[in-house]
Amino acid sequence: GETTSAMTALSSGPGARMVPMDVPIADRPDVERAASSVYGTIVASSVLAAGAYHLSIAQLCLAVVVTVVVYWLAEIYAQVLASRALAAPRHLRDEVREHAIHHWRMVTASFIPLAALLAAAALGADGPDAVMAALVLTTLMLAGLGWVAAGRAGMRAWHRLAAAAASSLGGHGVVGGKCALH
């Protein structure tokens, strides 16, 4: 159904599956992968919004990829350091590899707004308009995820619509905060 396909689209790897909501988060790797996707989408959107009037399309693409990769590397570093400090250390290479693969969705999620940016530019949009197209797409993606999450929580009709709106606004509140810094 709608929930399964949306969550499967956000989880990664073969055999991705739905996990009951009452399972502790530590035992739900699909939740972390989906969160990495949301995070990557928001970071990409932030970079696009911040650079819309200052960078060319090529520069925007490079800035998004470099920024998301830096955040991904920081996430790997933080996860490895925390796990080594709080749990029995495993072989470092295996641990880095596991976290790198687990959070790779942060990087690949940025490809969707970039594809929208490039498609809009290919259709003749200037930089700011192409960025707007990418931001509209990410807004719809976040709203869609909010809709699915509200459905999983048992919400109906207006409550579900409100949750979808809150999801998209919350994500773009972060984008607005990033733009305010520039």
Protein backbone atom coordinates (compact mmCIF):
# COMPACT_ATOMS: atom_id res chain seq x y z
CA GLY A 1 0.00 0.00 0.00
CA GLU A 2 0.84 3.66 0.14
CA THR A 3 2.68 3.42 3.46
CA THR A 4 4.77 0.42 2.47
CA SER A 5 5.90 1.90 -0.83
CA ALA A 6 6.73 5.28 0.70
CA MET A 7 8.77 3.78 3.52
CA THR A 8 10.46 1.28 1.21
CA ALA A 9 11.44 4.16 -1.06
CA LEU A 10 13.13 5.84 1.90
CA SER A 11 14.86 2.76 3.27
CA SER A 12 17.88 1.40 1.47
CA GLY A 13 19.22 -1.87 0.26
CA PRO A 14 17.78 -5.18 -0.74
CA GLY A 15 15.27 -6.64 1.64
CA ALA A 16 14.25 -3.28 3.10
CA ARG A 17 11.19 -3.93 5.21
CA MET A 18 8.62 -2.24 7.36
CA VAL A 19 9.33 -2.48 11.07
CA PRO A 20 6.49 -2.18 13.59
CA MET A 21 6.38 1.23 15.24
CA ASP A 22 6.56 -0.22 18.76
CA VAL A 23 10.08 -1.62 18.18
CA PRO A 24 12.76 0.52 19.93
CA ILE A 25 14.46 2.96 17.55
CA ALA A 26 17.84 1.35 18.22
CA ASP A 27 16.44 -1.81 16.60
CA ARG A 28 15.05 0.02 13.55
CA PRO A 29 17.86 0.72 11.06
CA ASP A 30 15.29 1.64 8.39
CA VAL A 31 14.28 4.62 10.55
CA GLU A 32 17.86 5.91 10.58
CA ARG A 33 18.19 5.42 6.82
CA ALA A 34 14.93 7.28 6.23
CA ALA A 35 16.10 10.02 8.60
CA SER A 36 19.35 10.25 6.62
CA SER A 37 17.26 10.73 3.46
CA VAL A 38 15.28 13.53 5.07
CA TYR A 39 18.46 15.11 6.39
CA GLY A 40 20.16 14.96 2.98
CA THR A 41 17.09 16.48 1.32
CA ILE A 42 16.99 19.34 3.82
CA VAL A 43 20.73 20.01 3.56
CA ALA A 44 20.53 20.03 -0.25
CA SER A 45 17.54 22.37 -0.14
CA SER A 46 19.36 24.68 2.26
CA VAL A 47 22.38 24.95 0.01
CA LEU A 48 20.20 25.55 -3.05
CA ALA A 49 18.17 28.23 -1.29
CA ALA A 50 21.27 29.96 0.09
CA GLY A 51 23.02 30.02 -3.27
CA ALA A 52 20.07 30.67 -5.59
CA TYR A 53 21.02 34.26 -6.38
CA HIS A 54 24.79 33.92 -6.02
CA LEU A 55 25.82 30.75 -7.83
CA SER A 56 25.46 29.29 -11.31
CA ILE A 57 23.62 25.99 -11.81
CA ALA A 58 26.96 24.13 -12.02
CA GLN A 59 28.23 25.86 -8.87
CA LEU A 60 24.98 25.03 -7.06
CA CYS A 61 25.32 21.35 -7.98
CA LEU A 62 28.93 21.26 -6.81
CA ALA A 63 28.06 23.11 -3.59
CA VAL A 64 25.23 20.67 -2.82
CA VAL A 65 27.33 17.56 -3.45
CA VAL A 66 30.34 18.83 -1.49
CA THR A 67 28.19 20.00 1.43
CA VAL A 68 26.20 16.78 1.65
CA VAL A 69 29.36 14.66 1.43
CA VAL A 70 30.93 16.73 4.23
CA TYR A 71 27.83 16.21 6.39
CA TRP A 72 27.88 12.48 5.55
CA LEU A 73 31.55 12.21 6.55
CA ALA A 74 30.81 14.11 9.78
CA GLU A 75 27.96 11.68 10.52
CA ILE A 76 30.25 8.69 9.97
CA TYR A 77 32.89 10.23 12.22
CA ALA A 78 30.37 11.01 14.95
CA GLN A 79 28.83 7.53 14.81
CA VAL A 80 32.18 5.74 14.88
CA LEU A 81 33.55 7.89 17.68
CA ALA A 82 30.40 7.51 19.78
CA SER A 83 30.17 3.77 19.25
CA ARG A 84 33.85 3.27 20.09
CA ALA A 85 33.49 5.42 23.22
CA LEU A 86 30.31 3.73 24.46
CA ALA A 87 30.56 0.14 23.21
CA ALA A 88 33.17 -2.53 22.68
CA PRO A 89 35.22 -1.41 19.69
CA ARG A 90 35.13 -3.54 16.59
CA HIS A 91 37.58 -3.49 13.72
CA LEU A 92 37.74 0.16 12.68
CA ARG A 93 37.51 -0.49 8.94
CA ASP A 94 34.37 -2.60 9.39
CA GLU A 95 32.78 0.00 11.62
CA VAL A 96 33.52 2.88 9.24
CA ARG A 97 32.24 0.85 6.30
CA GLU A 98 29.03 -0.06 8.12
CA HIS A 99 28.26 3.54 9.07
CA ALA A 100 29.23 4.84 5.62
CA ILE A 101 26.82 2.44 3.93
CA HIS A 102 24.13 2.95 6.54
CA HIS A 103 24.08 6.75 6.11
CA TRP A 104 24.78 6.89 2.35
CA ARG A 105 21.13 7.86 1.82
CA MET A 106 22.06 11.31 3.09
CA VAL A 107 24.09 11.78 -0.10
CA THR A 108 21.77 10.04 -2.55
CA ALA A 109 18.74 11.95 -1.28
CA SER A 110 20.36 15.15 -2.55
CA PHE A 111 20.23 13.79 -6.10
CA ILE A 112 16.46 14.30 -6.30
CA PRO A 113 16.53 18.09 -5.74
CA LEU A 114 19.59 18.27 -8.00
CA ALA A 115 17.73 16.40 -10.75
CA ALA A 116 14.83 18.84 -10.41
CA LEU A 117 17.26 21.77 -10.55
CA LEU A 118 18.94 20.43 -13.70
CA ALA A 119 15.64 19.54 -15.35
CA ALA A 120 14.23 23.02 -14.73
CA ALA A 121 17.43 24.61 -16.04
CA ALA A 122 17.34 22.37 -19.12
CA LEU A 123 13.78 23.55 -19.75
CA GLY A 124 14.98 27.16 -19.73
CA ALA A 125 14.56 28.28 -16.12
CA ASP A 126 17.17 30.69 -14.80
CA GLY A 127 19.06 29.86 -11.58
CA PRO A 128 16.56 31.20 -9.03
CA ASP A 129 13.58 29.68 -10.89
CA ALA A 130 15.35 26.33 -11.18
CA VAL A 131 16.05 26.43 -7.45
CA MET A 132 12.39 27.21 -6.83
CA ALA A 133 11.41 24.14 -8.84
CA ALA A 134 13.75 21.99 -6.74
CA LEU A 135 12.38 23.50 -3.52
CA VAL A 136 8.78 22.88 -4.61
CA LEU A 137 9.68 19.24 -5.24
CA THR A 138 11.36 18.85 -1.85
CA THR A 139 8.38 20.51 -0.19
CA LEU A 140 6.09 17.96 -1.83
CA MET A 141 8.42 15.12 -0.80
CA LEU A 142 8.45 16.23 2.84
CA ALA A 143 4.68 16.72 2.80
CA GLY A 144 4.29 13.22 1.34
CA LEU A 145 6.41 11.74 4.08
CA GLY A 146 4.38 13.64 6.68
CA TRP A 147 1.20 12.27 5.10
CA VAL A 148 2.54 8.71 5.33
CA ALA A 149 3.74 9.19 8.91
CA ALA A 150 0.36 10.60 9.94
CA GLY A 151 -1.37 7.64 8.33
CA ARG A 152 0.88 5.23 10.25
CA ALA A 153 -0.05 7.08 13.42
CA GLY A 154 -3.74 6.51 12.66
CA MET A 155 -4.59 10.10 11.77
CA ARG A 156 -7.37 10.77 9.30
CA ALA A 157 -8.50 13.59 7.01
CA TRP A 158 -7.70 17.08 8.31
CA HIS A 159 -5.27 15.90 10.98
CA ARG A 160 -3.32 13.98 8.38
CA LEU A 161 -3.29 16.97 6.05
CA ALA A 162 -2.11 19.20 8.91
CA ALA A 163 0.70 16.73 9.69
CA ALA A 164 1.76 16.75 6.03
CA ALA A 165 1.82 20.55 6.01
CA ALA A 166 3.77 20.64 9.28
CA SER A 167 6.33 18.20 7.85
CA SER A 168 7.00 20.33 4.82
CA LEU A 169 7.03 23.56 6.83
CA GLY A 170 9.33 22.07 9.46
CA GLY A 171 11.86 21.04 6.84
CA HIS A 172 11.76 24.37 5.15
CA GLY A 173 11.96 26.18 8.47
CA VAL A 174 15.42 24.66 8.70
CA VAL A 175 16.12 25.83 5.13
CA GLY A 176 14.97 29.35 6.07
CA GLY A 177 17.21 29.34 9.11
CA LYS A 178 20.19 28.38 6.98
CA CYS A 179 19.38 31.15 4.48
CA ALA A 180 19.12 33.67 7.29
CA LEU A 181 22.72 32.86 8.20
CA HIS A 182 23.96 33.80 4.71
